[in-house]
Amino acid sequence: MSELNTLIERTLSEDTKEQIGKVQPDHINQLFEDIQSINRMTEVMMYVLHHYPHVFELAYKEALKNDNR
């Protein structure tokens, strides 16, 4: 690691060194959190579908009416 630090110190500009030192956003963790949320919502929908099919049908029809994609 010392060699890398020496190489960075000798070759990079001050601006570039600052960019390397800044903490960048962690998009991978956010992606995994989003996927977990989607999975959770899917499980809820499946539960409602199996235990309360009439409620699911009504909710699904309303969602389709409000879908403006």
N, C-alpha and C. Protein backbone atom coordinates (compact mmCIF):
# COMPACT_ATOMS: atom_id res chain seq x y z
N MET A 1 0.82 -1.19 0.00
CA MET A 1 0.00 0.00 0.00
C MET A 1 0.86 1.25 0.00
N SER A 2 2.01 1.14 0.59
CA SER A 2 2.93 2.28 0.64
C SER A 2 3.39 2.69 -0.75
N GLU A 3 3.64 1.69 -1.61
CA GLU A 3 4.06 1.98 -2.98
C GLU A 3 2.96 2.69 -3.75
N LEU A 4 1.73 2.28 -3.53
CA LEU A 4 0.60 2.93 -4.18
C LEU A 4 0.48 4.38 -3.73
N ASN A 5 0.60 4.61 -2.45
CA ASN A 5 0.54 5.98 -1.93
C ASN A 5 1.65 6.84 -2.51
N THR A 6 2.84 6.28 -2.63
CA THR A 6 3.96 7.01 -3.22
C THR A 6 3.69 7.33 -4.68
N LEU A 7 3.18 6.37 -5.43
CA LEU A 7 2.85 6.59 -6.84
C LEU A 7 1.78 7.68 -6.98
N ILE A 8 0.75 7.61 -6.17
CA ILE A 8 -0.30 8.63 -6.20
C ILE A 8 0.28 10.00 -5.91
N GLU A 9 1.10 10.07 -4.90
CA GLU A 9 1.68 11.35 -4.48
C GLU A 9 2.54 11.97 -5.58
N ARG A 10 3.28 11.14 -6.29
CA ARG A 10 4.20 11.64 -7.32
C ARG A 10 3.50 12.01 -8.63
N THR A 11 2.44 11.30 -8.98
CA THR A 11 1.92 11.43 -10.35
C THR A 11 0.61 12.20 -10.48
N LEU A 12 -0.20 12.26 -9.45
CA LEU A 12 -1.52 12.87 -9.60
C LEU A 12 -1.56 14.32 -9.15
N SER A 13 -2.45 15.08 -9.78
CA SER A 13 -2.62 16.47 -9.39
C SER A 13 -3.34 16.53 -8.04
N GLU A 14 -3.33 17.69 -7.42
CA GLU A 14 -4.00 17.86 -6.12
C GLU A 14 -5.50 17.63 -6.24
N ASP A 15 -6.11 18.12 -7.32
CA ASP A 15 -7.55 17.91 -7.52
C ASP A 15 -7.90 16.43 -7.62
N THR A 16 -7.08 15.71 -8.37
CA THR A 16 -7.32 14.27 -8.53
C THR A 16 -7.15 13.54 -7.22
N LYS A 17 -6.14 13.91 -6.45
CA LYS A 17 -5.94 13.30 -5.14
C LYS A 17 -7.15 13.53 -4.24
N GLU A 18 -7.72 14.72 -4.31
CA GLU A 18 -8.91 15.02 -3.50
C GLU A 18 -10.09 14.16 -3.94
N GLN A 19 -10.24 13.97 -5.26
CA GLN A 19 -11.34 13.15 -5.77
C GLN A 19 -11.21 11.70 -5.30
N ILE A 20 -10.00 11.19 -5.28
CA ILE A 20 -9.78 9.81 -4.83
C ILE A 20 -10.15 9.68 -3.35
N GLY A 21 -9.85 10.69 -2.58
CA GLY A 21 -10.10 10.63 -1.14
C GLY A 21 -11.55 10.82 -0.75
N LYS A 22 -12.37 11.34 -1.63
CA LYS A 22 -13.78 11.57 -1.30
C LYS A 22 -14.55 10.27 -1.31
N VAL A 23 -15.48 10.16 -0.37
CA VAL A 23 -16.33 8.99 -0.31
C VAL A 23 -17.38 9.11 -1.40
N GLN A 24 -17.48 8.09 -2.22
CA GLN A 24 -18.43 8.08 -3.32
C GLN A 24 -19.71 7.37 -2.87
N PRO A 25 -20.84 7.69 -3.48
CA PRO A 25 -22.08 7.01 -3.09
C PRO A 25 -22.00 5.51 -3.39
N ASP A 26 -22.63 4.75 -2.53
CA ASP A 26 -22.60 3.30 -2.68
C ASP A 26 -23.89 2.85 -3.36
N HIS A 27 -23.87 2.80 -4.67
CA HIS A 27 -25.07 2.46 -5.43
C HIS A 27 -25.42 0.98 -5.32
N ILE A 28 -24.45 0.15 -5.07
CA ILE A 28 -24.72 -1.29 -4.98
C ILE A 28 -25.57 -1.58 -3.75
N ASN A 29 -25.24 -0.97 -2.61
CA ASN A 29 -26.05 -1.18 -1.41
C ASN A 29 -27.46 -0.67 -1.62
N GLN A 30 -27.60 0.47 -2.27
CA GLN A 30 -28.93 1.02 -2.55
C GLN A 30 -29.72 0.08 -3.45
N LEU A 31 -29.05 -0.49 -4.45
CA LEU A 31 -29.70 -1.45 -5.34
C LEU A 31 -30.22 -2.65 -4.55
N PHE A 32 -29.40 -3.21 -3.66
CA PHE A 32 -29.83 -4.35 -2.86
C PHE A 32 -31.00 -3.99 -1.95
N GLU A 33 -30.98 -2.80 -1.38
CA GLU A 33 -32.10 -2.36 -0.54
C GLU A 33 -33.38 -2.24 -1.37
N ASP A 34 -33.25 -1.71 -2.59
CA ASP A 34 -34.41 -1.60 -3.47
C ASP A 34 -34.96 -2.97 -3.84
N ILE A 35 -34.07 -3.90 -4.13
CA ILE A 35 -34.50 -5.26 -4.49
C ILE A 35 -35.20 -5.92 -3.30
N GLN A 36 -34.67 -5.73 -2.09
CA GLN A 36 -35.30 -6.29 -0.91
C GLN A 36 -36.70 -5.69 -0.72
N SER A 37 -36.84 -4.41 -0.96
CA SER A 37 -38.15 -3.77 -0.84
C SER A 37 -39.13 -4.32 -1.86
N ILE A 38 -38.67 -4.51 -3.09
CA ILE A 38 -39.53 -5.08 -4.13
C ILE A 38 -39.95 -6.50 -3.75
N ASN A 39 -39.02 -7.28 -3.24
CA ASN A 39 -39.34 -8.65 -2.82
C ASN A 39 -40.37 -8.64 -1.69
N ARG A 40 -40.22 -7.71 -0.76
CA ARG A 40 -41.16 -7.60 0.36
C ARG A 40 -42.55 -7.24 -0.15
N MET A 41 -42.64 -6.29 -1.08
CA MET A 41 -43.92 -5.90 -1.65
C MET A 41 -44.56 -7.07 -2.40
N THR A 42 -43.75 -7.85 -3.09
CA THR A 42 -44.25 -9.01 -3.82
C THR A 42 -44.83 -10.04 -2.85
N GLU A 43 -44.14 -10.27 -1.74
CA GLU A 43 -44.64 -11.21 -0.74
C GLU A 43 -45.98 -10.74 -0.17
N VAL A 44 -46.11 -9.45 0.08
CA VAL A 44 -47.37 -8.91 0.59
C VAL A 44 -48.48 -9.11 -0.44
N MET A 45 -48.20 -8.81 -1.70
CA MET A 45 -49.21 -8.99 -2.75
C MET A 45 -49.62 -10.45 -2.86
N MET A 46 -48.67 -11.36 -2.78
CA MET A 46 -48.99 -12.79 -2.88
C MET A 46 -49.83 -13.24 -1.67
N TYR A 47 -49.53 -12.72 -0.51
CA TYR A 47 -50.32 -13.06 0.68
C TYR A 47 -51.77 -12.60 0.51
N VAL A 48 -51.94 -11.35 0.07
CA VAL A 48 -53.29 -10.83 -0.14
C VAL A 48 -54.00 -11.64 -1.22
N LEU A 49 -53.31 -11.95 -2.29
CA LEU A 49 -53.91 -12.73 -3.37
C LEU A 49 -54.42 -14.08 -2.87
N HIS A 50 -53.63 -14.76 -2.06
CA HIS A 50 -54.01 -16.09 -1.60
C HIS A 50 -55.06 -16.07 -0.49
N HIS A 51 -55.01 -15.06 0.39
CA HIS A 51 -55.91 -15.04 1.53
C HIS A 51 -57.15 -14.16 1.33
N TYR A 52 -57.03 -13.16 0.47
CA TYR A 52 -58.14 -12.24 0.22
C TYR A 52 -58.22 -11.94 -1.28
N PRO A 53 -58.55 -12.94 -2.09
CA PRO A 53 -58.52 -12.75 -3.54
C PRO A 53 -59.42 -11.63 -4.04
N HIS A 54 -60.58 -11.44 -3.39
CA HIS A 54 -61.49 -10.38 -3.82
C HIS A 54 -60.85 -9.00 -3.60
N VAL A 55 -60.23 -8.82 -2.46
CA VAL A 55 -59.55 -7.55 -2.16
C VAL A 55 -58.41 -7.33 -3.16
N PHE A 56 -57.68 -8.40 -3.46
CA PHE A 56 -56.59 -8.28 -4.41
C PHE A 56 -57.11 -7.83 -5.78
N GLU A 57 -58.19 -8.46 -6.24
CA GLU A 57 -58.75 -8.11 -7.55
C GLU A 57 -59.19 -6.65 -7.59
N LEU A 58 -59.86 -6.19 -6.54
CA LEU A 58 -60.30 -4.79 -6.49
C LEU A 58 -59.09 -3.85 -6.52
N ALA A 59 -58.09 -4.15 -5.72
CA ALA A 59 -56.89 -3.30 -5.65
C ALA A 59 -56.16 -3.30 -6.98
N TYR A 60 -56.07 -4.47 -7.60
CA TYR A 60 -55.35 -4.57 -8.88
C TYR A 60 -56.06 -3.78 -9.97
N LYS A 61 -57.38 -3.87 -10.00
CA LYS A 61 -58.14 -3.12 -11.00
C LYS A 61 -57.97 -1.62 -10.80
N GLU A 62 -57.98 -1.16 -9.54
CA GLU A 62 -57.77 0.26 -9.26
C GLU A 62 -56.38 0.70 -9.68
N ALA A 63 -55.39 -0.15 -9.42
CA ALA A 63 -54.02 0.18 -9.82
C ALA A 63 -53.91 0.31 -11.33
N LEU A 64 -54.59 -0.57 -12.07
CA LEU A 64 -54.56 -0.49 -13.52
C LEU A 64 -55.24 0.77 -14.03
N LYS A 65 -56.32 1.18 -13.36
CA LYS A 65 -57.00 2.42 -13.77
C LYS A 65 -56.11 3.64 -13.57
N ASN A 66 -55.32 3.61 -12.52
CA ASN A 66 -54.47 4.76 -12.19
C ASN A 66 -53.10 4.72 -12.83
N ASP A 67 -52.84 3.67 -13.59
CA ASP A 67 -51.53 3.52 -14.24
C ASP A 67 -51.48 4.39 -15.48
N ASN A 68 -50.66 5.40 -15.47
CA ASN A 68 -50.58 6.33 -16.61
C ASN A 68 -49.27 6.19 -17.38
N ARG A 69 -48.69 5.00 -17.40
CA ARG A 69 -47.46 4.79 -18.16
C ARG A 69 -47.75 4.59 -19.61
